[in-house]
Amino acid sequence: MTMANRNDEYYDKFTKEIFETIKSLKNDDRGEFIVQTYENLFQKLKEADSKPAGVSVDMAKLREDLANIRGIGGQRLDEIMAVIERHLSQPAPDEEKDK
């Protein structure tokens, strides 16, 4: 069983009042409370995991910055940008498994 650390945000929220409430429940109610709490936490984590990372790249600015690197000409810059765009448009390996 994993115990919360004293510096953990959940440790601070688990007050004596909550403990007393759980302790006062009957065994059946306590079990139901634990199951519901687990299911709610699982659902929240599942929803948080399914949200996209929200990474955005200003392609024009990226192209401009890469063009300023010595030794990268126009043709090489086009090749680099094509590779970057291809990788940004592909789903992550985990997303491919879900489909």
N, C-alpha and C. Protein backbone atom coordinates (compact mmCIF):
# COMPACT_ATOMS: atom_id res chain seq x y z
N MET A 1 0.85 -1.19 0.00
CA MET A 1 0.00 0.00 0.00
C MET A 1 0.88 1.24 0.00
N THR A 2 0.57 2.17 -0.86
CA THR A 2 1.34 3.39 -0.96
C THR A 2 0.79 4.43 0.00
N MET A 3 1.64 5.01 0.76
CA MET A 3 1.24 6.05 1.71
C MET A 3 1.57 7.41 1.11
N ALA A 4 0.75 8.39 1.40
CA ALA A 4 1.00 9.74 0.91
C ALA A 4 2.14 10.37 1.69
N ASN A 5 2.99 11.09 1.01
CA ASN A 5 4.06 11.82 1.67
C ASN A 5 3.50 13.07 2.32
N ARG A 6 4.18 13.55 3.31
CA ARG A 6 3.72 14.76 3.99
C ARG A 6 3.72 15.97 3.07
N ASN A 7 4.54 15.96 2.04
CA ASN A 7 4.58 17.08 1.09
C ASN A 7 3.60 16.90 -0.05
N ASP A 8 2.89 15.79 -0.05
CA ASP A 8 1.94 15.48 -1.12
C ASP A 8 0.67 16.32 -0.93
N GLU A 9 0.10 16.82 -2.04
CA GLU A 9 -1.10 17.65 -1.96
C GLU A 9 -2.27 16.87 -1.38
N TYR A 10 -2.32 15.55 -1.61
CA TYR A 10 -3.42 14.74 -1.10
C TYR A 10 -3.32 14.56 0.42
N TYR A 11 -2.10 14.56 0.91
CA TYR A 11 -1.90 14.42 2.35
C TYR A 11 -2.54 15.59 3.08
N ASP A 12 -2.38 16.80 2.54
CA ASP A 12 -2.94 17.99 3.16
C ASP A 12 -4.47 17.97 3.13
N LYS A 13 -5.04 17.39 2.09
CA LYS A 13 -6.49 17.37 1.94
C LYS A 13 -7.14 16.28 2.79
N PHE A 14 -6.36 15.30 3.20
CA PHE A 14 -6.90 14.20 3.99
C PHE A 14 -6.86 14.63 5.46
N THR A 15 -7.86 15.34 5.88
CA THR A 15 -7.90 15.91 7.22
C THR A 15 -8.43 14.90 8.23
N LYS A 16 -8.29 15.23 9.47
CA LYS A 16 -8.81 14.38 10.54
C LYS A 16 -10.33 14.25 10.44
N GLU A 17 -10.97 15.31 9.99
CA GLU A 17 -12.43 15.30 9.82
C GLU A 17 -12.85 14.24 8.80
N ILE A 18 -12.14 14.15 7.69
CA ILE A 18 -12.44 13.14 6.67
C ILE A 18 -12.19 11.75 7.24
N PHE A 19 -11.08 11.60 7.95
CA PHE A 19 -10.76 10.31 8.54
C PHE A 19 -11.86 9.87 9.51
N GLU A 20 -12.32 10.78 10.35
CA GLU A 20 -13.38 10.44 11.31
C GLU A 20 -14.67 10.05 10.58
N THR A 21 -14.97 10.72 9.49
CA THR A 21 -16.17 10.40 8.71
C THR A 21 -16.08 8.98 8.15
N ILE A 22 -14.94 8.64 7.57
CA ILE A 22 -14.74 7.31 7.01
C ILE A 22 -14.79 6.26 8.12
N LYS A 23 -14.16 6.57 9.22
CA LYS A 23 -14.11 5.65 10.36
C LYS A 23 -15.50 5.36 10.92
N SER A 24 -16.39 6.35 10.86
CA SER A 24 -17.72 6.19 11.44
C SER A 24 -18.68 5.41 10.52
N LEU A 25 -18.30 5.20 9.27
CA LEU A 25 -19.16 4.45 8.35
C LEU A 25 -19.19 2.97 8.71
N LYS A 26 -20.30 2.34 8.38
CA LYS A 26 -20.40 0.89 8.54
C LYS A 26 -19.50 0.24 7.49
N ASN A 27 -19.15 -1.01 7.70
CA ASN A 27 -18.23 -1.70 6.79
C ASN A 27 -18.72 -1.69 5.34
N ASP A 28 -20.02 -1.96 5.14
CA ASP A 28 -20.56 -1.96 3.77
C ASP A 28 -20.48 -0.58 3.15
N ASP A 29 -20.84 0.44 3.92
CA ASP A 29 -20.79 1.81 3.42
C ASP A 29 -19.35 2.25 3.17
N ARG A 30 -18.44 1.83 4.04
CA ARG A 30 -17.03 2.19 3.87
C ARG A 30 -16.49 1.56 2.59
N GLY A 31 -16.84 0.32 2.34
CA GLY A 31 -16.40 -0.34 1.11
C GLY A 31 -16.95 0.35 -0.12
N GLU A 32 -18.23 0.71 -0.07
CA GLU A 32 -18.86 1.42 -1.20
C GLU A 32 -18.19 2.78 -1.42
N PHE A 33 -17.88 3.46 -0.31
CA PHE A 33 -17.21 4.76 -0.40
C PHE A 33 -15.85 4.61 -1.07
N ILE A 34 -15.10 3.60 -0.68
CA ILE A 34 -13.77 3.38 -1.25
C ILE A 34 -13.88 3.04 -2.74
N VAL A 35 -14.82 2.19 -3.11
CA VAL A 35 -15.01 1.83 -4.51
C VAL A 35 -15.38 3.04 -5.35
N GLN A 36 -16.32 3.86 -4.85
CA GLN A 36 -16.74 5.06 -5.59
C GLN A 36 -15.59 6.05 -5.72
N THR A 37 -14.82 6.21 -4.65
CA THR A 37 -13.68 7.12 -4.70
C THR A 37 -12.66 6.65 -5.73
N TYR A 38 -12.39 5.36 -5.74
CA TYR A 38 -11.45 4.79 -6.71
C TYR A 38 -11.96 4.99 -8.13
N GLU A 39 -13.24 4.70 -8.37
CA GLU A 39 -13.80 4.85 -9.71
C GLU A 39 -13.77 6.30 -10.17
N ASN A 40 -14.07 7.23 -9.27
CA ASN A 40 -14.02 8.66 -9.63
C ASN A 40 -12.60 9.09 -9.98
N LEU A 41 -11.64 8.66 -9.19
CA LEU A 41 -10.25 9.00 -9.46
C LEU A 41 -9.79 8.38 -10.77
N PHE A 42 -10.15 7.12 -11.00
CA PHE A 42 -9.78 6.46 -12.25
C PHE A 42 -10.35 7.20 -13.45
N GLN A 43 -11.63 7.62 -13.35
CA GLN A 43 -12.27 8.35 -14.45
C GLN A 43 -11.59 9.69 -14.70
N LYS A 44 -11.24 10.41 -13.63
CA LYS A 44 -10.56 11.70 -13.78
C LYS A 44 -9.20 11.53 -14.44
N LEU A 45 -8.45 10.50 -14.02
CA LEU A 45 -7.15 10.26 -14.62
C LEU A 45 -7.28 9.83 -16.07
N LYS A 46 -8.29 9.05 -16.39
CA LYS A 46 -8.52 8.62 -17.77
C LYS A 46 -8.85 9.81 -18.66
N GLU A 47 -9.69 10.73 -18.15
CA GLU A 47 -10.04 11.93 -18.92
C GLU A 47 -8.82 12.83 -19.10
N ALA A 48 -8.03 12.97 -18.06
CA ALA A 48 -6.83 13.82 -18.15
C ALA A 48 -5.83 13.23 -19.13
N ASP A 49 -5.73 11.89 -19.17
CA ASP A 49 -4.80 11.23 -20.06
C ASP A 49 -5.24 11.32 -21.52
N SER A 50 -6.55 11.41 -21.76
CA SER A 50 -7.04 11.42 -23.13
C SER A 50 -7.02 12.81 -23.76
N LYS A 51 -6.77 13.84 -22.97
CA LYS A 51 -6.73 15.19 -23.52
C LYS A 51 -5.43 15.37 -24.31
N PRO A 52 -5.52 16.04 -25.45
CA PRO A 52 -4.31 16.27 -26.23
C PRO A 52 -3.33 17.17 -25.49
N ALA A 53 -2.07 16.99 -25.79
CA ALA A 53 -1.02 17.75 -25.09
C ALA A 53 -1.10 19.23 -25.38
N GLY A 54 -1.64 19.62 -26.52
CA GLY A 54 -1.81 21.03 -26.82
C GLY A 54 -0.52 21.71 -27.29
N VAL A 55 0.33 20.95 -27.95
CA VAL A 55 1.57 21.52 -28.45
C VAL A 55 1.28 22.26 -29.74
N SER A 56 1.72 23.50 -29.82
CA SER A 56 1.55 24.24 -31.06
C SER A 56 2.90 24.79 -31.48
N VAL A 57 3.14 24.72 -32.76
CA VAL A 57 4.40 25.19 -33.32
C VAL A 57 4.10 26.21 -34.39
N ASP A 58 4.74 27.36 -34.30
CA ASP A 58 4.62 28.39 -35.34
C ASP A 58 5.59 27.99 -36.45
N MET A 59 5.05 27.37 -37.48
CA MET A 59 5.88 26.82 -38.54
C MET A 59 6.66 27.91 -39.29
N ALA A 60 6.07 29.06 -39.46
CA ALA A 60 6.76 30.15 -40.15
C ALA A 60 7.96 30.62 -39.34
N LYS A 61 7.78 30.75 -38.04
CA LYS A 61 8.87 31.18 -37.16
C LYS A 61 9.96 30.11 -37.11
N LEU A 62 9.54 28.82 -37.05
CA LEU A 62 10.50 27.72 -37.05
C LEU A 62 11.33 27.74 -38.33
N ARG A 63 10.66 27.93 -39.46
CA ARG A 63 11.36 27.97 -40.75
C ARG A 63 12.35 29.14 -40.78
N GLU A 64 11.93 30.28 -40.26
CA GLU A 64 12.80 31.46 -40.22
C GLU A 64 14.03 31.20 -39.34
N ASP A 65 13.82 30.57 -38.18
CA ASP A 65 14.94 30.29 -37.28
C ASP A 65 15.91 29.28 -37.89
N LEU A 66 15.36 28.25 -38.54
CA LEU A 66 16.23 27.26 -39.19
C LEU A 66 16.99 27.87 -40.35
N ALA A 67 16.38 28.80 -41.07
CA ALA A 67 17.04 29.44 -42.21
C ALA A 67 18.24 30.28 -41.76
N ASN A 68 18.24 30.71 -40.51
CA ASN A 68 19.35 31.52 -39.99
C ASN A 68 20.56 30.69 -39.58
N ILE A 69 20.45 29.37 -39.63
CA ILE A 69 21.58 28.51 -39.28
C ILE A 69 22.52 28.43 -40.48
N ARG A 70 23.80 28.69 -40.23
CA ARG A 70 24.79 28.66 -41.31
C ARG A 70 24.87 27.27 -41.91
N GLY A 71 24.92 27.20 -43.20
CA GLY A 71 25.09 25.93 -43.89
C GLY A 71 23.77 25.30 -44.34
N ILE A 72 22.65 25.87 -43.94
CA ILE A 72 21.36 25.33 -44.38
C ILE A 72 20.83 26.23 -45.49
N GLY A 73 20.78 25.66 -46.69
CA GLY A 73 20.28 26.40 -47.84
C GLY A 73 18.79 26.16 -48.02
N GLY A 74 18.25 26.73 -49.07
CA GLY A 74 16.82 26.64 -49.33
C GLY A 74 16.32 25.23 -49.55
N GLN A 75 17.07 24.43 -50.31
CA GLN A 75 16.64 23.07 -50.60
C GLN A 75 16.70 22.21 -49.33
N ARG A 76 17.77 22.34 -48.57
CA ARG A 76 17.91 21.57 -47.33
C ARG A 76 16.85 22.00 -46.32
N LEU A 77 16.56 23.29 -46.29
CA LEU A 77 15.52 23.80 -45.38
C LEU A 77 14.16 23.20 -45.74
N ASP A 78 13.85 23.10 -47.02
CA ASP A 78 12.59 22.47 -47.44
C ASP A 78 12.51 21.01 -47.00
N GLU A 79 13.63 20.30 -47.11
CA GLU A 79 13.66 18.90 -46.69
C GLU A 79 13.44 18.77 -45.18
N ILE A 80 14.09 19.63 -44.42
CA ILE A 80 13.95 19.60 -42.96
C ILE A 80 12.52 19.92 -42.56
N MET A 81 11.93 20.94 -43.18
CA MET A 81 10.56 21.32 -42.85
C MET A 81 9.58 20.20 -43.20
N ALA A 82 9.83 19.49 -44.31
CA ALA A 82 8.96 18.37 -44.70
C ALA A 82 9.00 17.26 -43.65
N VAL A 83 10.19 16.97 -43.13
CA VAL A 83 10.32 15.94 -42.09
C VAL A 83 9.60 16.38 -40.82
N ILE A 84 9.79 17.61 -40.43
CA ILE A 84 9.13 18.13 -39.22
C ILE A 84 7.62 18.07 -39.37
N GLU A 85 7.10 18.53 -40.49
CA GLU A 85 5.66 18.51 -40.71
C GLU A 85 5.10 17.10 -40.72
N ARG A 86 5.85 16.16 -41.29
CA ARG A 86 5.40 14.77 -41.32
C ARG A 86 5.31 14.20 -39.90
N HIS A 87 6.28 14.51 -39.08
CA HIS A 87 6.27 14.00 -37.70
C HIS A 87 5.22 14.68 -36.84
N LEU A 88 4.95 15.93 -37.09
CA LEU A 88 3.91 16.62 -36.32
C LEU A 88 2.51 16.14 -36.68
N SER A 89 2.33 15.70 -37.91
CA SER A 89 1.01 15.28 -38.34
C SER A 89 0.71 13.81 -38.02
N GLN A 90 1.74 13.02 -37.71
CA GLN A 90 1.54 11.61 -37.39
C GLN A 90 1.06 11.49 -35.94
N PRO A 91 0.14 10.54 -35.69
CA PRO A 91 -0.26 10.30 -34.31
C PRO A 91 0.87 9.64 -33.53
N ALA A 92 0.86 9.84 -32.23
CA ALA A 92 1.86 9.22 -31.37
C ALA A 92 1.69 7.70 -31.41
N PRO A 93 2.72 6.92 -31.10
CA PRO A 93 2.61 5.46 -31.13
C PRO A 93 1.47 4.94 -30.26
N ASP A 94 1.22 5.56 -29.11
CA ASP A 94 0.14 5.12 -28.23
C ASP A 94 -1.21 5.34 -28.89
N GLU A 95 -1.37 6.44 -29.65
CA GLU A 95 -2.63 6.74 -30.30
C GLU A 95 -2.91 5.73 -31.42
N GLU A 96 -1.86 5.26 -32.09
CA GLU A 96 -2.06 4.29 -33.16
C GLU A 96 -2.60 2.98 -32.61
N LYS A 97 -2.20 2.59 -31.40
CA LYS A 97 -2.67 1.34 -30.80
C LYS A 97 -4.14 1.43 -30.45
N ASP A 98 -4.62 2.64 -30.06
CA ASP A 98 -6.00 2.82 -29.66
C ASP A 98 -6.95 2.69 -30.83
N LYS A 99 -6.47 2.94 -32.04
CA LYS A 99 -7.36 2.93 -33.22
C LYS A 99 -7.61 1.55 -33.74
